[in-house]
Amino acid sequence: RGETEGGISHVSKMVKSSDAGKSVWYFVAPEKFLGNKRDAYGGVLYFRHGFFEYDSQGKDMMDGEFDVMLISAAQDLTVGRRAVIPPWDFSSEHRLQLDEMGGWLLSPSNTAPSRHDMVRLLSQLSGVWIRGGFYAGREDSYVMDVKLVAGPEEESSPKSSLKHQTLSEADSKLGMGAQPTS
């Protein structure tokens, strides 16, 4: 069972949306999932992504865009990862390392972030965007089980209660939505 809000269906721990053609758009985490997530440094962003259906119109996936983006508006930092979602797969599972060695690129420079950049970004996280639109034709895609998992404890940092944070059904009803890009 699910609800529909502005064309986005929410089912259990799954959020789904669709498009009618060549469109790059993102699932966007709700505000409740954001904020000070410094303890996620060294941990992982985990999620499952898939398609109920897609029409590639005989073309490969649209590439060049980030598949996943982490944003800190307060720090004026955005990092992204490309080629996370494998082409032609209907379902995939991902564990993205949340540190400077995790394959992230700063936007718009396309250079690797420093440790300092990643810690600053996670300390004031204002956006987690996971791409939903990949193909030239119609597609119906989903994300589910989105989790931030804390990294190893640092001796110099105070103890935290963040072991992992999951987007629950209640969270998804609050706003895990599709965000088009220009």
N, C-alpha and C. Protein backbone atom coordinates (compact mmCIF):
# COMPACT_ATOMS: atom_id res chain seq x y z
N ARG A 1 0.84 -1.19 0.00
CA ARG A 1 0.00 0.00 0.00
C ARG A 1 0.87 1.23 0.00
N GLY A 2 0.39 2.25 -0.61
CA GLY A 2 1.18 3.46 -0.64
C GLY A 2 0.31 4.68 -0.86
N GLU A 3 0.95 5.82 -0.82
CA GLU A 3 0.29 7.09 -1.08
C GLU A 3 0.91 7.70 -2.31
N THR A 4 0.18 8.58 -2.95
CA THR A 4 0.73 9.31 -4.07
C THR A 4 0.71 10.79 -3.73
N GLU A 5 1.85 11.43 -3.86
CA GLU A 5 1.98 12.86 -3.60
C GLU A 5 2.69 13.47 -4.80
N GLY A 6 2.01 14.23 -5.60
CA GLY A 6 2.64 14.89 -6.73
C GLY A 6 3.28 13.94 -7.71
N GLY A 7 2.67 12.79 -7.95
CA GLY A 7 3.21 11.85 -8.92
C GLY A 7 4.24 10.90 -8.35
N ILE A 8 4.50 10.96 -7.05
CA ILE A 8 5.49 10.07 -6.43
C ILE A 8 4.76 9.11 -5.52
N SER A 9 5.01 7.83 -5.70
CA SER A 9 4.36 6.82 -4.87
C SER A 9 5.33 6.37 -3.78
N HIS A 10 4.81 6.19 -2.58
CA HIS A 10 5.61 5.74 -1.45
C HIS A 10 5.06 4.41 -0.98
N VAL A 11 5.89 3.39 -0.99
CA VAL A 11 5.46 2.08 -0.57
C VAL A 11 6.48 1.53 0.41
N SER A 12 6.04 1.23 1.62
CA SER A 12 6.90 0.69 2.66
C SER A 12 8.18 1.52 2.74
N LYS A 13 9.35 0.89 2.63
CA LYS A 13 10.61 1.61 2.68
C LYS A 13 11.11 1.92 1.27
N MET A 14 10.20 1.96 0.34
CA MET A 14 10.52 2.20 -1.06
C MET A 14 9.88 3.50 -1.51
N VAL A 15 10.61 4.23 -2.35
CA VAL A 15 10.07 5.42 -2.97
C VAL A 15 10.22 5.23 -4.47
N LYS A 16 9.16 5.46 -5.22
CA LYS A 16 9.24 5.26 -6.66
C LYS A 16 8.70 6.48 -7.39
N SER A 17 9.17 6.63 -8.60
CA SER A 17 8.68 7.69 -9.46
C SER A 17 8.95 7.28 -10.90
N SER A 18 8.44 8.08 -11.82
CA SER A 18 8.62 7.74 -13.23
C SER A 18 8.72 9.01 -14.06
N ASP A 19 9.14 8.83 -15.29
CA ASP A 19 9.15 9.93 -16.25
C ASP A 19 8.66 9.41 -17.58
N ALA A 20 8.36 10.33 -18.48
CA ALA A 20 7.80 9.96 -19.77
C ALA A 20 8.82 10.03 -20.90
N GLY A 21 10.05 10.39 -20.59
CA GLY A 21 11.03 10.51 -21.67
C GLY A 21 12.39 10.90 -21.15
N LYS A 22 13.17 11.44 -22.03
CA LYS A 22 14.57 11.77 -21.74
C LYS A 22 14.65 12.86 -20.68
N SER A 23 14.85 12.44 -19.42
CA SER A 23 14.87 13.37 -18.31
C SER A 23 15.82 12.85 -17.23
N VAL A 24 16.71 13.71 -16.76
CA VAL A 24 17.56 13.37 -15.62
C VAL A 24 16.91 13.99 -14.40
N TRP A 25 16.58 13.17 -13.42
CA TRP A 25 15.96 13.63 -12.19
C TRP A 25 16.47 12.78 -11.03
N TYR A 26 16.23 13.25 -9.80
CA TYR A 26 16.80 12.63 -8.61
C TYR A 26 15.74 12.40 -7.53
N PHE A 27 15.93 11.34 -6.76
CA PHE A 27 15.22 11.16 -5.50
C PHE A 27 15.98 12.01 -4.48
N VAL A 28 15.25 12.76 -3.65
CA VAL A 28 15.86 13.70 -2.72
C VAL A 28 15.47 13.32 -1.29
N ALA A 29 16.46 13.16 -0.43
CA ALA A 29 16.20 12.78 0.96
C ALA A 29 15.47 13.89 1.70
N PRO A 30 14.57 13.53 2.62
CA PRO A 30 13.85 14.54 3.40
C PRO A 30 14.78 15.22 4.41
N GLU A 31 14.37 16.39 4.85
CA GLU A 31 15.16 17.19 5.79
C GLU A 31 15.52 16.40 7.05
N LYS A 32 14.63 15.55 7.50
CA LYS A 32 14.85 14.76 8.71
C LYS A 32 16.09 13.86 8.60
N PHE A 33 16.49 13.52 7.38
CA PHE A 33 17.63 12.64 7.12
C PHE A 33 18.94 13.41 7.08
N LEU A 34 18.86 14.75 7.11
CA LEU A 34 20.02 15.61 6.89
C LEU A 34 20.49 16.25 8.19
N GLY A 35 21.46 17.17 8.08
CA GLY A 35 21.97 17.88 9.25
C GLY A 35 23.39 17.45 9.56
N ASN A 36 23.72 17.40 10.85
CA ASN A 36 25.07 17.03 11.27
C ASN A 36 25.23 15.51 11.21
N LYS A 37 25.90 15.04 10.18
CA LYS A 37 26.14 13.61 9.98
C LYS A 37 27.64 13.34 9.95
N ARG A 38 28.40 14.13 10.70
CA ARG A 38 29.86 13.99 10.73
C ARG A 38 30.29 12.57 11.08
N ASP A 39 29.53 11.92 11.94
CA ASP A 39 29.88 10.56 12.35
C ASP A 39 29.75 9.54 11.23
N ALA A 40 29.15 9.93 10.13
CA ALA A 40 29.07 9.05 8.97
C ALA A 40 30.40 9.04 8.19
N TYR A 41 31.30 9.98 8.51
CA TYR A 41 32.60 10.00 7.82
C TYR A 41 33.32 8.66 8.06
N GLY A 42 33.76 8.04 6.99
CA GLY A 42 34.41 6.73 7.08
C GLY A 42 33.41 5.58 7.03
N GLY A 43 32.14 5.89 7.09
CA GLY A 43 31.09 4.88 7.00
C GLY A 43 30.63 4.73 5.56
N VAL A 44 29.35 4.39 5.39
CA VAL A 44 28.83 4.19 4.04
C VAL A 44 27.44 4.80 3.88
N LEU A 45 27.14 5.14 2.63
CA LEU A 45 25.78 5.43 2.21
C LEU A 45 25.33 4.16 1.50
N TYR A 46 24.31 3.52 2.04
CA TYR A 46 23.80 2.27 1.50
C TYR A 46 22.43 2.53 0.88
N PHE A 47 22.16 1.95 -0.26
CA PHE A 47 20.83 2.00 -0.84
C PHE A 47 20.68 0.94 -1.91
N ARG A 48 19.42 0.63 -2.21
CA ARG A 48 19.08 -0.24 -3.34
C ARG A 48 18.35 0.60 -4.37
N HIS A 49 18.66 0.38 -5.62
CA HIS A 49 18.07 1.14 -6.71
C HIS A 49 17.57 0.15 -7.76
N GLY A 50 16.47 0.49 -8.41
CA GLY A 50 16.00 -0.40 -9.45
C GLY A 50 14.96 0.24 -10.34
N PHE A 51 14.56 -0.55 -11.32
CA PHE A 51 13.56 -0.13 -12.29
C PHE A 51 12.47 -1.19 -12.33
N PHE A 52 11.22 -0.75 -12.30
CA PHE A 52 10.12 -1.67 -12.56
C PHE A 52 10.04 -1.91 -14.06
N GLU A 53 10.33 -0.85 -14.82
CA GLU A 53 10.39 -0.96 -16.26
C GLU A 53 11.14 0.24 -16.81
N TYR A 54 11.69 0.08 -17.99
CA TYR A 54 12.27 1.21 -18.70
C TYR A 54 12.25 0.93 -20.19
N ASP A 55 12.23 2.01 -20.95
CA ASP A 55 12.29 1.93 -22.40
C ASP A 55 13.52 2.71 -22.82
N SER A 56 14.56 2.01 -23.20
CA SER A 56 15.82 2.66 -23.56
C SER A 56 15.77 3.28 -24.96
N GLN A 57 14.74 2.95 -25.71
CA GLN A 57 14.61 3.38 -27.10
C GLN A 57 15.86 3.02 -27.91
N GLY A 58 16.45 1.88 -27.55
CA GLY A 58 17.62 1.38 -28.26
C GLY A 58 18.90 2.14 -27.97
N LYS A 59 18.89 2.97 -26.92
CA LYS A 59 20.06 3.78 -26.60
C LYS A 59 20.62 3.37 -25.25
N ASP A 60 21.92 3.63 -25.06
CA ASP A 60 22.56 3.40 -23.76
C ASP A 60 22.01 4.41 -22.74
N MET A 61 22.39 4.21 -21.47
CA MET A 61 22.02 5.15 -20.42
C MET A 61 22.58 6.53 -20.74
N MET A 62 21.85 7.57 -20.35
CA MET A 62 22.36 8.93 -20.46
C MET A 62 23.46 9.08 -19.42
N ASP A 63 24.66 9.40 -19.85
CA ASP A 63 25.75 9.52 -18.88
C ASP A 63 26.22 10.95 -18.77
N GLY A 64 27.23 11.16 -17.96
CA GLY A 64 27.78 12.49 -17.77
C GLY A 64 27.30 13.15 -16.49
N GLU A 65 26.13 12.75 -16.01
CA GLU A 65 25.58 13.31 -14.77
C GLU A 65 26.04 12.46 -13.58
N PHE A 66 26.02 13.05 -12.40
CA PHE A 66 26.28 12.28 -11.19
C PHE A 66 25.09 11.37 -10.92
N ASP A 67 25.36 10.14 -10.48
CA ASP A 67 24.31 9.22 -10.06
C ASP A 67 23.89 9.50 -8.62
N VAL A 68 24.84 9.94 -7.79
CA VAL A 68 24.57 10.25 -6.39
C VAL A 68 25.29 11.55 -6.06
N MET A 69 24.60 12.43 -5.34
CA MET A 69 25.22 13.68 -4.90
C MET A 69 24.97 13.90 -3.41
N LEU A 70 26.00 14.40 -2.73
CA LEU A 70 25.90 14.85 -1.35
C LEU A 70 26.15 16.35 -1.38
N ILE A 71 25.29 17.10 -0.69
CA ILE A 71 25.34 18.56 -0.77
C ILE A 71 25.38 19.17 0.62
N SER A 72 26.21 20.20 0.77
CA SER A 72 26.18 21.05 1.95
C SER A 72 26.09 22.49 1.47
N ALA A 73 24.88 23.04 1.52
CA ALA A 73 24.69 24.43 1.10
C ALA A 73 25.46 25.38 2.02
N ALA A 74 25.48 25.09 3.31
CA ALA A 74 26.17 25.95 4.28
C ALA A 74 27.67 26.02 4.01
N GLN A 75 28.24 24.92 3.55
CA GLN A 75 29.67 24.87 3.27
C GLN A 75 29.98 25.14 1.80
N ASP A 76 28.95 25.33 0.98
CA ASP A 76 29.08 25.52 -0.46
C ASP A 76 29.89 24.38 -1.09
N LEU A 77 29.52 23.15 -0.70
CA LEU A 77 30.21 21.95 -1.20
C LEU A 77 29.19 20.96 -1.77
N THR A 78 29.52 20.40 -2.91
CA THR A 78 28.77 19.30 -3.49
C THR A 78 29.77 18.28 -4.00
N VAL A 79 29.57 17.02 -3.62
CA VAL A 79 30.36 15.93 -4.18
C VAL A 79 29.41 14.97 -4.87
N GLY A 80 29.91 14.29 -5.89
CA GLY A 80 29.08 13.35 -6.61
C GLY A 80 29.86 12.14 -7.06
N ARG A 81 29.11 11.09 -7.39
CA ARG A 81 29.69 9.86 -7.95
C ARG A 81 28.97 9.55 -9.24
N ARG A 82 29.75 9.20 -10.26
CA ARG A 82 29.20 8.79 -11.55
C ARG A 82 29.32 7.27 -11.67
N ALA A 83 28.57 6.70 -12.61
CA ALA A 83 28.64 5.27 -12.94
C ALA A 83 28.43 4.37 -11.73
N VAL A 84 27.55 4.78 -10.83
CA VAL A 84 27.19 3.95 -9.67
C VAL A 84 26.14 2.92 -10.08
N ILE A 85 25.14 3.37 -10.81
CA ILE A 85 24.04 2.50 -11.22
C ILE A 85 24.46 1.79 -12.51
N PRO A 86 24.51 0.45 -12.49
CA PRO A 86 24.95 -0.28 -13.69
C PRO A 86 23.90 -0.24 -14.80
N PRO A 87 24.34 -0.09 -16.05
CA PRO A 87 23.39 -0.07 -17.15
C PRO A 87 22.71 -1.43 -17.33
N TRP A 88 21.47 -1.37 -17.72
CA TRP A 88 20.65 -2.53 -18.09
C TRP A 88 20.24 -3.42 -16.92
N ASP A 89 20.68 -3.15 -15.70
CA ASP A 89 20.26 -3.94 -14.54
C ASP A 89 18.93 -3.41 -14.02
N PHE A 90 18.05 -4.32 -13.64
CA PHE A 90 16.77 -3.90 -13.09
C PHE A 90 16.86 -3.63 -11.60
N SER A 91 17.88 -4.16 -10.92
CA SER A 91 18.02 -3.94 -9.49
C SER A 91 19.49 -4.00 -9.12
N SER A 92 19.92 -3.08 -8.25
CA SER A 92 21.31 -3.08 -7.80
C SER A 92 21.39 -2.56 -6.36
N GLU A 93 22.41 -3.00 -5.67
CA GLU A 93 22.64 -2.65 -4.27
C GLU A 93 23.97 -1.91 -4.18
N HIS A 94 24.00 -0.84 -3.35
CA HIS A 94 25.19 0.01 -3.32
C HIS A 94 25.62 0.35 -1.90
N ARG A 95 26.94 0.35 -1.69
CA ARG A 95 27.58 0.78 -0.45
C ARG A 95 28.67 1.76 -0.84
N LEU A 96 28.38 3.05 -0.71
CA LEU A 96 29.33 4.08 -1.12
C LEU A 96 30.10 4.59 0.09
N GLN A 97 31.39 4.44 0.03
CA GLN A 97 32.29 4.84 1.10
C GLN A 97 32.21 6.35 1.28
N LEU A 98 32.04 6.80 2.52
CA LEU A 98 31.89 8.23 2.82
C LEU A 98 33.20 8.82 3.33
N ASP A 99 34.17 8.87 2.45
CA ASP A 99 35.43 9.54 2.75
C ASP A 99 36.09 9.96 1.44
N GLU A 100 37.24 10.57 1.53
CA GLU A 100 37.92 11.10 0.35
C GLU A 100 38.42 10.01 -0.59
N MET A 101 38.46 8.77 -0.16
CA MET A 101 38.91 7.66 -1.00
C MET A 101 37.74 6.93 -1.67
N GLY A 102 36.52 7.42 -1.49
CA GLY A 102 35.33 6.73 -1.96
C GLY A 102 34.93 6.98 -3.41
N GLY A 103 35.77 7.66 -4.17
CA GLY A 103 35.46 7.89 -5.58
C GLY A 103 34.60 9.12 -5.83
N TRP A 104 34.39 9.94 -4.80
CA TRP A 104 33.60 11.16 -4.94
C TRP A 104 34.39 12.22 -5.69
N LEU A 105 33.68 13.09 -6.38
CA LEU A 105 34.29 14.23 -7.08
C LEU A 105 33.60 15.51 -6.65
N LEU A 106 34.41 16.54 -6.40
CA LEU A 106 33.85 17.85 -6.10
C LEU A 106 33.19 18.42 -7.35
N SER A 107 32.06 19.08 -7.17
CA SER A 107 31.41 19.76 -8.28
C SER A 107 31.60 21.25 -8.09
N PRO A 108 31.97 21.98 -9.10
CA PRO A 108 32.05 21.61 -10.50
C PRO A 108 33.46 21.24 -10.97
N SER A 109 34.45 21.19 -10.09
CA SER A 109 35.85 21.00 -10.53
C SER A 109 36.19 19.59 -10.98
N ASN A 110 35.37 18.59 -10.58
CA ASN A 110 35.65 17.18 -10.89
C ASN A 110 36.99 16.72 -10.35
N THR A 111 37.37 17.26 -9.20
CA THR A 111 38.58 16.83 -8.51
C THR A 111 38.18 16.10 -7.23
N ALA A 112 39.09 15.28 -6.72
CA ALA A 112 38.81 14.52 -5.50
C ALA A 112 38.72 15.47 -4.30
N PRO A 113 37.77 15.24 -3.42
CA PRO A 113 37.68 16.05 -2.21
C PRO A 113 38.78 15.66 -1.22
N SER A 114 39.12 16.56 -0.33
CA SER A 114 40.06 16.25 0.75
C SER A 114 39.27 15.66 1.93
N ARG A 115 39.98 15.15 2.91
CA ARG A 115 39.35 14.67 4.14
C ARG A 115 38.57 15.83 4.76
N HIS A 116 39.20 16.99 4.80
CA HIS A 116 38.57 18.18 5.37
C HIS A 116 37.26 18.52 4.65
N ASP A 117 37.26 18.44 3.32
CA ASP A 117 36.04 18.69 2.54
C ASP A 117 34.92 17.74 2.94
N MET A 118 35.24 16.45 3.03
CA MET A 118 34.21 15.45 3.35
C MET A 118 33.66 15.64 4.76
N VAL A 119 34.53 15.93 5.71
CA VAL A 119 34.07 16.14 7.10
C VAL A 119 33.20 17.39 7.16
N ARG A 120 33.61 18.47 6.51
CA ARG A 120 32.80 19.70 6.49
C ARG A 120 31.44 19.44 5.85
N LEU A 121 31.43 18.74 4.72
CA LEU A 121 30.19 18.45 4.01
C LEU A 121 29.24 17.63 4.90
N LEU A 122 29.75 16.57 5.50
CA LEU A 122 28.90 15.71 6.33
C LEU A 122 28.46 16.40 7.62
N SER A 123 29.23 17.37 8.07
CA SER A 123 28.87 18.11 9.29
C SER A 123 27.65 19.00 9.10
N GLN A 124 27.40 19.40 7.87
CA GLN A 124 26.23 20.23 7.57
C GLN A 124 25.58 19.74 6.27
N LEU A 125 25.20 18.48 6.26
CA LEU A 125 24.62 17.85 5.09
C LEU A 125 23.22 18.42 4.82
N SER A 126 23.03 18.99 3.64
CA SER A 126 21.72 19.57 3.30
C SER A 126 21.04 18.85 2.14
N GLY A 127 21.72 17.88 1.53
CA GLY A 127 21.09 17.14 0.44
C GLY A 127 21.75 15.81 0.18
N VAL A 128 20.93 14.79 -0.03
CA VAL A 128 21.35 13.49 -0.54
C VAL A 128 20.45 13.22 -1.73
N TRP A 129 21.04 13.23 -2.92
CA TRP A 129 20.29 13.05 -4.15
C TRP A 129 20.74 11.76 -4.82
N ILE A 130 19.79 10.89 -5.14
CA ILE A 130 20.07 9.63 -5.84
C ILE A 130 19.30 9.67 -7.15
N ARG A 131 20.01 9.51 -8.22
CA ARG A 131 19.43 9.66 -9.56
C ARG A 131 18.36 8.62 -9.85
N GLY A 132 17.29 9.07 -10.49
CA GLY A 132 16.21 8.18 -10.88
C GLY A 132 16.04 8.08 -12.39
N GLY A 133 16.40 9.13 -13.13
CA GLY A 133 16.21 9.17 -14.57
C GLY A 133 17.48 8.87 -15.34
N PHE A 134 17.47 7.78 -16.13
CA PHE A 134 18.67 7.33 -16.83
C PHE A 134 18.48 7.09 -18.33
N TYR A 135 17.28 6.76 -18.75
CA TYR A 135 17.07 6.30 -20.12
C TYR A 135 16.30 7.30 -20.96
N ALA A 136 16.43 7.19 -22.28
CA ALA A 136 15.82 8.12 -23.22
C ALA A 136 14.30 8.01 -23.25
N GLY A 137 13.78 6.84 -22.98
CA GLY A 137 12.33 6.64 -22.99
C GLY A 137 11.74 6.62 -21.59
N ARG A 138 10.51 6.21 -21.50
CA ARG A 138 9.80 6.13 -20.22
C ARG A 138 10.52 5.17 -19.27
N GLU A 139 10.53 5.53 -18.00
CA GLU A 139 11.08 4.63 -16.98
C GLU A 139 10.33 4.80 -15.68
N ASP A 140 10.29 3.72 -14.92
CA ASP A 140 9.62 3.67 -13.63
C ASP A 140 10.65 3.11 -12.66
N SER A 141 11.25 3.99 -11.84
CA SER A 141 12.36 3.55 -10.99
C SER A 141 12.06 3.74 -9.51
N TYR A 142 12.90 3.14 -8.67
CA TYR A 142 12.71 3.21 -7.22
C TYR A 142 14.06 3.25 -6.51
N VAL A 143 14.04 3.76 -5.27
CA VAL A 143 15.13 3.58 -4.32
C VAL A 143 14.51 3.03 -3.04
N MET A 144 15.30 2.26 -2.31
CA MET A 144 14.81 1.71 -1.05
C MET A 144 15.98 1.42 -0.12
N ASP A 145 15.66 1.27 1.15
CA ASP A 145 16.64 0.93 2.19
C ASP A 145 17.81 1.91 2.20
N VAL A 146 17.53 3.20 2.07
CA VAL A 146 18.59 4.21 2.10
C VAL A 146 19.05 4.38 3.54
N LYS A 147 20.37 4.23 3.76
CA LYS A 147 20.93 4.30 5.12
C LYS A 147 22.26 5.04 5.11
N LEU A 148 22.49 5.83 6.13
CA LEU A 148 23.82 6.36 6.43
C LEU A 148 24.33 5.53 7.60
N VAL A 149 25.48 4.91 7.41
CA VAL A 149 26.06 4.06 8.46
C VAL A 149 27.32 4.74 8.97
N ALA A 150 27.41 4.91 10.28
CA ALA A 150 28.53 5.61 10.91
C ALA A 150 29.85 4.91 10.61
N GLY A 151 30.88 5.73 10.51
CA GLY A 151 32.23 5.22 10.30
C GLY A 151 32.87 4.83 11.62
N PRO A 152 34.14 4.41 11.56
CA PRO A 152 34.84 4.05 12.79
C PRO A 152 35.00 5.28 13.69
N GLU A 153 34.99 5.05 14.98
CA GLU A 153 35.16 6.16 15.92
C GLU A 153 36.56 6.72 15.83
N GLU A 154 36.65 8.03 15.91
CA GLU A 154 37.95 8.69 15.95
C GLU A 154 38.25 9.00 17.40
N GLU A 155 39.50 8.84 17.79
CA GLU A 155 39.87 9.07 19.19
C GLU A 155 39.61 10.51 19.62
N SER A 156 39.75 11.46 18.70
CA SER A 156 39.60 12.87 19.05
C SER A 156 38.16 13.36 19.02
N SER A 157 37.23 12.54 18.53
CA SER A 157 35.85 13.02 18.43
C SER A 157 35.01 12.50 19.59
N PRO A 158 34.04 13.30 20.03
CA PRO A 158 33.17 12.85 21.11
C PRO A 158 32.28 11.71 20.63
N LYS A 159 31.82 10.90 21.58
CA LYS A 159 30.95 9.77 21.22
C LYS A 159 29.64 10.29 20.65
N SER A 160 29.09 9.52 19.74
CA SER A 160 27.84 9.91 19.08
C SER A 160 26.85 8.77 19.14
N SER A 161 25.60 9.11 18.99
CA SER A 161 24.56 8.08 18.99
C SER A 161 24.27 7.58 17.58
N LEU A 162 24.92 8.16 16.53
CA LEU A 162 24.65 7.72 15.16
C LEU A 162 25.35 6.40 14.89
N LYS A 163 24.59 5.31 14.89
CA LYS A 163 25.13 4.03 14.46
C LYS A 163 24.77 3.85 13.00
N HIS A 164 23.53 4.09 12.68
CA HIS A 164 23.09 4.21 11.30
C HIS A 164 21.74 4.90 11.31
N GLN A 165 21.44 5.53 10.21
CA GLN A 165 20.15 6.19 10.06
C GLN A 165 19.52 5.66 8.80
N THR A 166 18.27 5.32 8.90
CA THR A 166 17.54 4.73 7.80
C THR A 166 16.38 5.62 7.41
N LEU A 167 16.13 5.74 6.12
CA LEU A 167 14.91 6.39 5.67
C LEU A 167 13.78 5.40 5.87
N SER A 168 12.90 5.68 6.80
CA SER A 168 11.80 4.77 7.07
C SER A 168 10.60 5.17 6.23
N GLU A 169 9.56 4.40 6.34
CA GLU A 169 8.32 4.70 5.62
C GLU A 169 7.84 6.09 6.01
N ALA A 170 7.90 6.42 7.29
CA ALA A 170 7.46 7.74 7.74
C ALA A 170 8.32 8.83 7.13
N ASP A 171 9.64 8.61 7.05
CA ASP A 171 10.52 9.59 6.45
C ASP A 171 10.16 9.81 5.00
N SER A 172 9.92 8.73 4.27
CA SER A 172 9.66 8.87 2.84
C SER A 172 8.37 9.64 2.61
N LYS A 173 7.42 9.51 3.49
CA LYS A 173 6.17 10.27 3.34
C LYS A 173 6.41 11.76 3.57
N LEU A 174 7.49 12.09 4.30
CA LEU A 174 7.79 13.49 4.56
C LEU A 174 8.48 14.18 3.41
N GLY A 175 8.97 13.44 2.43
CA GLY A 175 9.52 14.20 1.33
C GLY A 175 10.62 13.58 0.50
N MET A 176 10.90 12.30 0.60
CA MET A 176 11.86 11.73 -0.34
C MET A 176 11.18 11.85 -1.69
N GLY A 177 11.59 12.81 -2.47
CA GLY A 177 10.87 13.12 -3.69
C GLY A 177 11.76 13.14 -4.90
N ALA A 178 11.17 13.27 -6.02
CA ALA A 178 11.92 13.36 -7.26
C ALA A 178 12.22 14.82 -7.56
N GLN A 179 13.46 15.13 -7.86
CA GLN A 179 13.88 16.48 -8.14
C GLN A 179 14.47 16.54 -9.54
N PRO A 180 13.82 17.24 -10.46
CA PRO A 180 14.38 17.35 -11.81
C PRO A 180 15.59 18.27 -11.83
N THR A 181 16.47 18.05 -12.78
CA THR A 181 17.59 18.97 -12.98
C THR A 181 17.40 19.64 -14.32
N SER A 182 18.09 20.74 -14.48
CA SER A 182 17.93 21.45 -15.75
C SER A 182 18.88 20.98 -16.80
